Amino acid sequence: MENTVNENFHSNEYSIPYDVIELPSQGLLYKNKINKVKVEYLTAMDENVLSAPNILGSGKVLDVLIERKVKDLGFPSEELLEGDRLAIIIYLRTTAFGAEYKQGVLDSKGEVVEGTIDLSKLSQKKLMIKPDEKNEFEYVLPKSKVKVKFKFLNSKDEKEINDNDEFMMKKFNTDISFYTTLKTSKMITEIDGNRDKVFINNFVERKMTILDSRSLNKFISDNEPGLNFETTARTQGGESVDCFLRLGKSFFWPEL
């Protein structure tokens, strides 16, 4: 992975080695403007986290690892932007288990085969659009011509979205997820100058066309700082195929 500075400072013989990781966001959207963080290597003690049934069942493995391994951040780790968070996760996995990661991919014949991805070759997506004084960004919806402002989400935002989605699915006794509209509503901070959340939620649910929704979400995805998960994999037959990195069950459990 690009932009990793190997420092491995040791204050004594028992200190945990670490690297300094450059954040894809360059720290531009954080109050303290921190653009690099110290991330410790995973150790044998962290195996307790990776094998703890209560943590695995809750889906909080990544959150716990980041809380344990990221040092001197200057703010709660749940406020890390998702792109910065994923860059740290890829680093932790690569330094613990190596850069090779296997997943199913489509070969040139359209068949699903095992492919090997080199995680160290993932490129960073830097922040290329300029935020305003609130660290928000403008976008004009192509169909309605409505001007919206949006923000990039952090880990805390994602947790709230998932919790609300689970609540609403149970409330309405449905298997249909509300995730897409909940996420869109969470990212939008203003619509034509109106910052009322009830108004924003109603607009997204009742007035926003699919064209506008998809266009906005694509613009956000294209410009969100993080890692470029569009990569290539090498098949067992030696073929190089384009694919999209998926963080499956074997990501921190390569033996599976």
Protein backbone atom coordinates (compact mmCIF):
# COMPACT_ATOMS: atom_id res chain seq x y z
CA MET A 1 0.00 0.00 0.00
CA GLU A 2 1.30 3.44 -0.84
CA ASN A 3 2.19 6.20 1.64
CA THR A 4 3.31 4.09 4.58
CA VAL A 5 6.32 5.45 6.45
CA ASN A 6 8.18 2.68 8.27
CA GLU A 7 9.69 4.12 11.42
CA ASN A 8 9.62 1.20 13.90
CA PHE A 9 10.78 3.27 16.83
CA HIS A 10 11.65 1.30 19.98
CA SER A 11 11.70 3.04 23.34
CA ASN A 12 12.76 -0.24 24.96
CA GLU A 13 13.09 -3.90 24.06
CA TYR A 14 9.41 -4.57 24.84
CA SER A 15 7.87 -1.74 22.86
CA ILE A 16 5.44 -2.65 20.08
CA PRO A 17 6.74 -1.81 16.59
CA TYR A 18 4.66 0.60 14.56
CA ASP A 19 4.51 2.48 11.28
CA VAL A 20 3.30 5.98 10.56
CA ILE A 21 0.43 5.87 8.07
CA GLU A 22 -0.47 8.75 5.79
CA LEU A 23 -4.24 9.29 5.77
CA PRO A 24 -5.94 9.54 2.35
CA SER A 25 -7.98 12.52 3.58
CA GLN A 26 -4.71 14.32 4.37
CA GLY A 27 -6.39 15.37 7.61
CA LEU A 28 -8.17 18.23 5.87
CA LEU A 29 -11.55 17.34 7.38
CA TYR A 30 -10.41 16.89 10.98
CA LYS A 31 -10.28 19.71 13.53
CA ASN A 32 -6.66 18.96 14.42
CA LYS A 33 -5.73 18.49 10.72
CA ILE A 34 -3.77 15.34 11.54
CA ASN A 35 -2.59 13.78 8.28
CA LYS A 36 -0.50 10.90 9.65
CA VAL A 37 -1.21 8.44 12.44
CA LYS A 38 0.90 5.96 14.36
CA VAL A 39 -0.44 2.42 13.94
CA GLU A 40 1.01 -0.46 15.94
CA TYR A 41 1.47 -3.92 14.47
CA LEU A 42 -0.95 -6.66 15.42
CA THR A 43 0.59 -8.89 18.09
CA ALA A 44 -0.21 -12.20 19.74
CA MET A 45 -2.38 -10.30 22.24
CA ASP A 46 -4.59 -9.12 19.40
CA GLU A 47 -5.31 -12.73 18.52
CA ASN A 48 -7.62 -12.61 21.54
CA VAL A 49 -9.70 -10.01 19.71
CA LEU A 50 -9.74 -11.96 16.45
CA SER A 51 -10.97 -15.07 18.25
CA ALA A 52 -13.38 -13.56 20.80
CA PRO A 53 -16.89 -14.94 20.12
CA ASN A 54 -18.68 -11.93 21.63
CA ILE A 55 -16.75 -9.48 19.44
CA LEU A 56 -17.00 -11.61 16.30
CA GLY A 57 -20.74 -11.99 16.77
CA SER A 58 -21.24 -8.25 17.17
CA GLY A 59 -19.32 -7.40 14.00
CA LYS A 60 -17.12 -4.98 15.93
CA VAL A 61 -13.76 -6.60 15.16
CA LEU A 62 -12.51 -3.76 12.97
CA ASP A 63 -13.67 -1.09 15.43
CA VAL A 64 -11.89 -2.82 18.32
CA LEU A 65 -8.67 -3.28 16.35
CA ILE A 66 -8.55 0.38 15.34
CA GLU A 67 -9.26 1.49 18.92
CA ARG A 68 -6.39 -0.71 20.16
CA LYS A 69 -3.79 -0.06 17.47
CA VAL A 70 -4.13 3.61 16.42
CA LYS A 71 -2.19 5.91 18.74
CA ASP A 72 -2.07 9.68 19.31
CA LEU A 73 -5.05 10.33 17.04
CA GLY A 74 -6.26 13.34 19.01
CA PHE A 75 -9.97 12.51 18.72
CA PRO A 76 -12.20 9.41 19.17
CA SER A 77 -11.39 6.72 16.61
CA GLU A 78 -15.10 6.48 15.71
CA GLU A 79 -14.72 9.93 14.10
CA LEU A 80 -12.24 8.61 11.53
CA LEU A 81 -13.57 8.95 8.02
CA GLU A 82 -14.43 5.61 6.45
CA GLY A 83 -11.72 5.95 3.80
CA ASP A 84 -9.01 6.63 6.39
CA ARG A 85 -10.31 3.78 8.51
CA LEU A 86 -10.09 1.32 5.60
CA ALA A 87 -6.53 2.43 4.85
CA ILE A 88 -5.60 1.53 8.45
CA ILE A 89 -7.40 -1.81 8.25
CA ILE A 90 -5.55 -2.76 5.06
CA TYR A 91 -2.26 -1.83 6.74
CA LEU A 92 -3.05 -3.99 9.79
CA ARG A 93 -3.94 -6.98 7.66
CA THR A 94 -0.89 -6.62 5.39
CA THR A 95 1.63 -6.32 8.21
CA ALA A 96 0.04 -9.23 10.12
CA PHE A 97 -0.61 -11.79 7.38
CA GLY A 98 1.18 -10.50 4.30
CA ALA A 99 0.04 -8.64 1.20
CA GLU A 100 -1.51 -11.61 -0.62
CA TYR A 101 -5.29 -11.90 -0.30
CA LYS A 102 -7.38 -14.51 -2.08
CA GLN A 103 -10.94 -14.06 -3.28
CA GLY A 104 -13.20 -15.33 -6.01
CA VAL A 105 -12.94 -13.45 -9.31
CA LEU A 106 -14.27 -13.79 -12.86
CA ASP A 107 -11.69 -14.96 -15.39
CA SER A 108 -11.72 -14.18 -19.13
CA LYS A 109 -14.12 -17.09 -19.70
CA GLY A 110 -16.64 -15.68 -17.23
CA GLU A 111 -15.97 -18.44 -14.72
CA VAL A 112 -15.48 -17.85 -10.99
CA VAL A 113 -11.94 -18.83 -10.01
CA GLU A 114 -9.64 -18.10 -7.10
CA GLY A 115 -7.61 -14.94 -7.58
CA THR A 116 -4.75 -13.46 -5.57
CA ILE A 117 -4.68 -9.71 -4.89
CA ASP A 118 -1.56 -7.84 -3.82
CA LEU A 119 -2.86 -5.50 -1.11
CA SER A 120 0.39 -3.51 -1.12
CA LYS A 121 -0.44 -2.26 -4.61
CA LEU A 122 -3.74 -0.62 -3.68
CA SER A 123 -3.53 3.07 -4.50
CA GLN A 124 -4.81 5.91 -2.34
CA LYS A 125 -7.61 8.24 -3.40
CA LYS A 126 -6.69 11.69 -2.17
CA LEU A 127 -9.25 14.39 -1.41
CA MET A 128 -9.48 16.36 -4.66
CA ILE A 129 -12.54 18.56 -4.07
CA LYS A 130 -12.46 21.58 -1.79
CA PRO A 131 -14.63 21.68 1.34
CA ASP A 132 -16.29 24.81 2.70
CA GLU A 133 -15.80 26.21 6.18
CA LYS A 134 -18.06 23.46 7.60
CA ASN A 135 -16.06 20.72 5.84
CA GLU A 136 -19.03 20.16 3.51
CA PHE A 137 -19.24 19.97 -0.26
CA GLU A 138 -21.75 21.22 -2.88
CA TYR A 139 -23.47 19.25 -5.62
CA VAL A 140 -26.32 20.15 -7.97
CA LEU A 141 -28.70 17.25 -8.58
CA PRO A 142 -28.88 16.73 -12.38
CA LYS A 143 -32.64 16.21 -12.75
CA SER A 144 -34.23 18.47 -10.13
CA LYS A 145 -31.41 21.06 -10.25
CA VAL A 146 -31.61 21.25 -6.47
CA LYS A 147 -28.34 22.29 -4.77
CA VAL A 148 -27.34 20.06 -1.88
CA LYS A 149 -24.47 20.05 0.54
CA PHE A 150 -23.03 16.81 1.85
CA LYS A 151 -20.36 15.41 4.14
CA PHE A 152 -18.27 12.25 4.11
CA LEU A 153 -19.27 9.72 6.74
CA ASN A 154 -17.24 8.42 9.64
CA SER A 155 -17.47 5.19 11.61
CA LYS A 156 -19.94 6.68 14.09
CA ASP A 157 -22.25 7.73 11.25
CA GLU A 158 -22.11 4.25 9.70
CA LYS A 159 -23.01 2.64 13.03
CA GLU A 160 -26.03 4.94 13.42
CA ILE A 161 -27.17 4.10 9.89
CA ASN A 162 -26.90 0.35 10.49
CA ASP A 163 -28.67 0.59 13.86
CA ASN A 164 -31.52 2.64 12.34
CA ASP A 165 -31.80 0.24 9.42
CA GLU A 166 -32.12 -2.73 11.76
CA PHE A 167 -34.71 -0.86 13.85
CA MET A 168 -36.83 0.10 10.84
CA MET A 169 -36.74 -3.39 9.34
CA LYS A 170 -38.05 -4.79 12.62
CA LYS A 171 -40.59 -1.99 13.04
CA PHE A 172 -42.11 -2.56 9.60
CA ASN A 173 -41.55 -6.34 9.70
CA THR A 174 -39.82 -6.38 6.32
CA ASP A 175 -36.76 -7.95 4.73
CA ILE A 176 -36.21 -4.82 2.62
CA SER A 177 -33.30 -2.74 3.89
CA PHE A 178 -33.61 1.04 4.30
CA TYR A 179 -29.83 1.44 4.20
CA THR A 180 -29.56 3.39 0.93
CA THR A 181 -32.03 6.13 1.86
CA LEU A 182 -30.74 6.30 5.43
CA LYS A 183 -27.17 6.73 4.20
CA THR A 184 -28.14 9.35 1.63
CA SER A 185 -30.06 11.31 4.28
CA LYS A 186 -27.09 11.09 6.63
CA MET A 187 -24.64 12.41 4.03
CA ILE A 188 -26.84 15.33 2.97
CA THR A 189 -26.52 18.27 5.34
CA GLU A 190 -28.40 20.94 3.41
CA ILE A 191 -30.93 21.22 0.58
CA ASP A 192 -31.28 24.63 -1.09
CA GLY A 193 -30.21 26.29 2.16
CA ASN A 194 -32.51 24.20 4.40
CA ARG A 195 -30.64 22.23 7.07
CA ASP A 196 -33.65 20.80 8.91
CA LYS A 197 -33.16 17.02 9.17
CA VAL A 198 -36.88 16.24 8.96
CA PHE A 199 -37.07 18.20 5.72
CA ILE A 200 -33.97 16.44 4.37
CA ASN A 201 -35.30 13.00 5.27
CA ASN A 202 -38.66 13.71 3.64
CA PHE A 203 -36.98 15.03 0.51
CA VAL A 204 -34.82 11.92 0.15
CA GLU A 205 -37.68 9.52 0.82
CA ARG A 206 -40.44 11.20 -1.22
CA LYS A 207 -39.05 13.69 -3.72
CA MET A 208 -35.56 12.60 -4.71
CA THR A 209 -35.56 10.69 -7.99
CA ILE A 210 -33.45 7.59 -8.51
CA LEU A 211 -31.44 9.49 -11.11
CA ASP A 212 -30.58 12.24 -8.63
CA SER A 213 -29.89 9.75 -5.82
CA ARG A 214 -27.56 7.60 -7.89
CA SER A 215 -25.81 10.62 -9.36
CA LEU A 216 -25.14 12.11 -5.93
CA ASN A 217 -23.96 8.82 -4.44
CA LYS A 218 -21.64 8.20 -7.39
CA PHE A 219 -20.16 11.68 -7.09
CA ILE A 220 -19.56 11.12 -3.38
CA SER A 221 -18.06 7.67 -3.96
CA ASP A 222 -15.79 8.95 -6.74
CA ASN A 223 -14.48 11.80 -4.58
CA GLU A 224 -14.37 10.21 -1.14
CA PRO A 225 -10.77 9.91 0.10
CA GLY A 226 -9.64 6.39 0.81
CA LEU A 227 -8.21 3.43 -1.06
CA ASN A 228 -9.04 2.47 -4.62
CA PHE A 229 -10.54 -1.00 -4.31
CA GLU A 230 -10.65 -1.42 -8.08
CA THR A 231 -7.59 -3.59 -8.64
CA THR A 232 -6.30 -6.70 -10.40
CA ALA A 233 -5.94 -10.29 -9.31
CA ARG A 234 -3.70 -13.08 -10.55
CA THR A 235 -5.45 -16.39 -11.18
CA GLN A 236 -3.87 -19.81 -10.69
CA GLY A 237 -3.55 -20.04 -14.47
CA GLY A 238 -1.42 -16.89 -14.52
CA GLU A 239 -4.11 -14.60 -15.91
CA SER A 240 -4.40 -11.03 -14.65
CA VAL A 241 -8.04 -9.96 -14.27
CA ASP A 242 -9.70 -6.74 -13.15
CA CYS A 243 -11.73 -7.06 -9.95
CA PHE A 244 -13.04 -5.19 -6.91
CA LEU A 245 -11.54 -5.97 -3.52
CA ARG A 246 -14.08 -7.46 -1.09
CA LEU A 247 -13.33 -7.74 2.61
CA GLY A 248 -14.64 -11.26 3.19
CA LYS A 249 -14.45 -13.58 6.18
CA SER A 250 -10.92 -14.66 5.28
CA PHE A 251 -9.53 -11.12 5.44
CA PHE A 252 -8.23 -11.50 9.00
CA TRP A 253 -8.58 -15.27 8.90
CA PRO A 254 -6.61 -16.28 5.76
CA GLU A 255 -6.66 -19.92 6.79
CA LEU A 256 -10.44 -20.08 6.15
